[in-house]
């Protein structure tokens, strides 16, 4: 692993990829968090109950 670390340290401008990757992860996390918080209770109940509903698994298999 030390060889890879040394090789990556020698590449100029590689730090920008670390920053971009971290920003993509953080933005995606925030978007999913906001979308989950703003989701209506009716939709949450529908998702929650769909796990226990046997008919939904049959529908997904036939579709």
Protein backbone atom coordinates (compact mmCIF):
# COMPACT_ATOMS: atom_id res chain seq x y z
CA UNK A 1 0.00 0.00 0.00
CA UNK A 2 2.95 2.29 0.61
CA UNK A 3 3.95 2.05 -3.06
CA UNK A 4 0.50 3.25 -4.14
CA UNK A 5 0.59 6.10 -1.60
CA UNK A 6 4.01 7.22 -2.80
CA UNK A 7 2.94 7.05 -6.44
CA UNK A 8 -0.21 9.09 -5.78
CA UNK A 9 1.74 11.71 -3.82
CA UNK A 10 4.01 12.28 -6.83
CA UNK A 11 1.13 13.08 -9.21
CA UNK A 12 0.50 16.79 -9.35
CA UNK A 13 -3.08 17.96 -8.93
CA UNK A 14 -4.30 14.64 -7.48
CA UNK A 15 -5.67 16.42 -4.40
CA UNK A 16 -8.53 17.86 -6.45
CA UNK A 17 -9.92 14.34 -6.96
CA UNK A 18 -10.03 13.77 -3.21
CA UNK A 19 -11.90 17.04 -2.75
CA UNK A 20 -14.32 16.31 -5.61
CA UNK A 21 -15.05 12.83 -4.26
CA UNK A 22 -15.71 14.18 -0.78
CA UNK A 23 -17.99 16.90 -2.15
CA UNK A 24 -19.98 14.40 -4.23
CA UNK A 25 -20.46 12.17 -1.19
CA UNK A 26 -21.46 15.07 1.07
CA UNK A 27 -23.90 16.58 -1.47
CA UNK A 28 -25.51 13.19 -2.12
CA UNK A 29 -25.87 12.58 1.62
CA UNK A 30 -27.49 15.98 2.16
CA UNK A 31 -29.89 15.52 -0.78
CA UNK A 32 -31.01 12.10 0.47
CA UNK A 33 -31.42 13.45 4.00
CA UNK A 34 -33.52 16.42 2.86
CA UNK A 35 -35.64 14.24 0.57
CA UNK A 36 -36.29 11.80 3.41
CA UNK A 37 -37.22 14.55 5.86
CA UNK A 38 -39.62 16.20 3.39
CA UNK A 39 -41.29 12.90 2.39
CA UNK A 40 -45.00 12.92 3.29
CA UNK A 41 -46.14 10.57 6.05
CA UNK A 42 -48.56 8.88 3.66
CA UNK A 43 -45.72 7.86 1.37
CA UNK A 44 -43.63 6.70 4.35
CA UNK A 45 -46.49 4.50 5.54
CA UNK A 46 -46.91 3.10 2.03
CA UNK A 47 -43.23 2.14 1.87
CA UNK A 48 -43.32 0.75 5.40
CA UNK A 49 -46.37 -1.40 4.71
CA UNK A 50 -45.12 -2.58 1.32
CA UNK A 51 -42.42 -4.61 3.05
CA UNK A 52 -45.06 -6.76 4.75
CA UNK A 53 -47.42 -6.89 1.78
CA UNK A 54 -47.20 -10.21 -0.07
CA UNK A 55 -49.05 -8.94 -3.15
CA UNK A 56 -46.36 -6.41 -3.97
CA UNK A 57 -43.73 -9.13 -4.34
CA UNK A 58 -45.96 -11.01 -6.77
CA UNK A 59 -46.51 -7.84 -8.79
CA UNK A 60 -42.80 -7.13 -9.03
CA UNK A 61 -42.07 -10.68 -10.21
CA UNK A 62 -44.69 -10.57 -12.97
CA UNK A 63 -43.77 -7.08 -14.19
